[in-house]
Amino acid sequence: MTIKPLIILPDPLLRQVSQPIERVDADIRKLAEDMLETMYEAPGIGLAAIQVGVARRMLVIDISKEGDEREPLVFINPEIVRSSDEYSVYEEGCLSIPDYYAEVERPASITVKSLDREGREHLTEADGLLATCLQHEIDHLNGVLFIDHISRLKREMVIKKFTKASKSKL
């Protein structure tokens, strides 16, 4: 397994819409393993392929508590097929926007259709943290960041901060 470098804001790749995966094969399974390893190392609870520079529709999640047995989930070509009318608010962060957190309101429960590592179709009913995490990572696949769900002023401040920081590294 390989730990991959994370794509960080303001990299324009984060705004790219990811392409569907046509066939689940050994390369896709290897990418899933590398993504899980990268996510655990970061550490984080979710990671979309675009965040490691791969514009494909795949994400990994593990919301198990620290110290508990890991429960890795892989979602290939995930699609939200149902969202509740009820909303919940979670403080979100992102491995591609390090050390910045903001409260985001999203549907409290969702149903996601996806493929697993073997290419089998699944429906996942999710609420709570899993629902939030899935929506956050699926947003990534569509070129949307969690800061797009906060006020324009706060979003512009975050983008400005990360743009300035990226220029100082050159």
Foldseek 3Di string as FASTA:
>chain_A
DAQADFAAPPPQLLQDAAAADPDQDPVNLVLLVNQCVNCVVLPHFKDASSRRPHRYGKMKGWPDDPPDDTDIFIFGPKDWPDFDPDKDWDWDDDSRLPPDTDIAIDGQWTWIWGAGSVRDIDIDTDGDPVRVRVVQRSCSNNSHHRLVRDDPVVSVVSNVVVVVVVVVVD
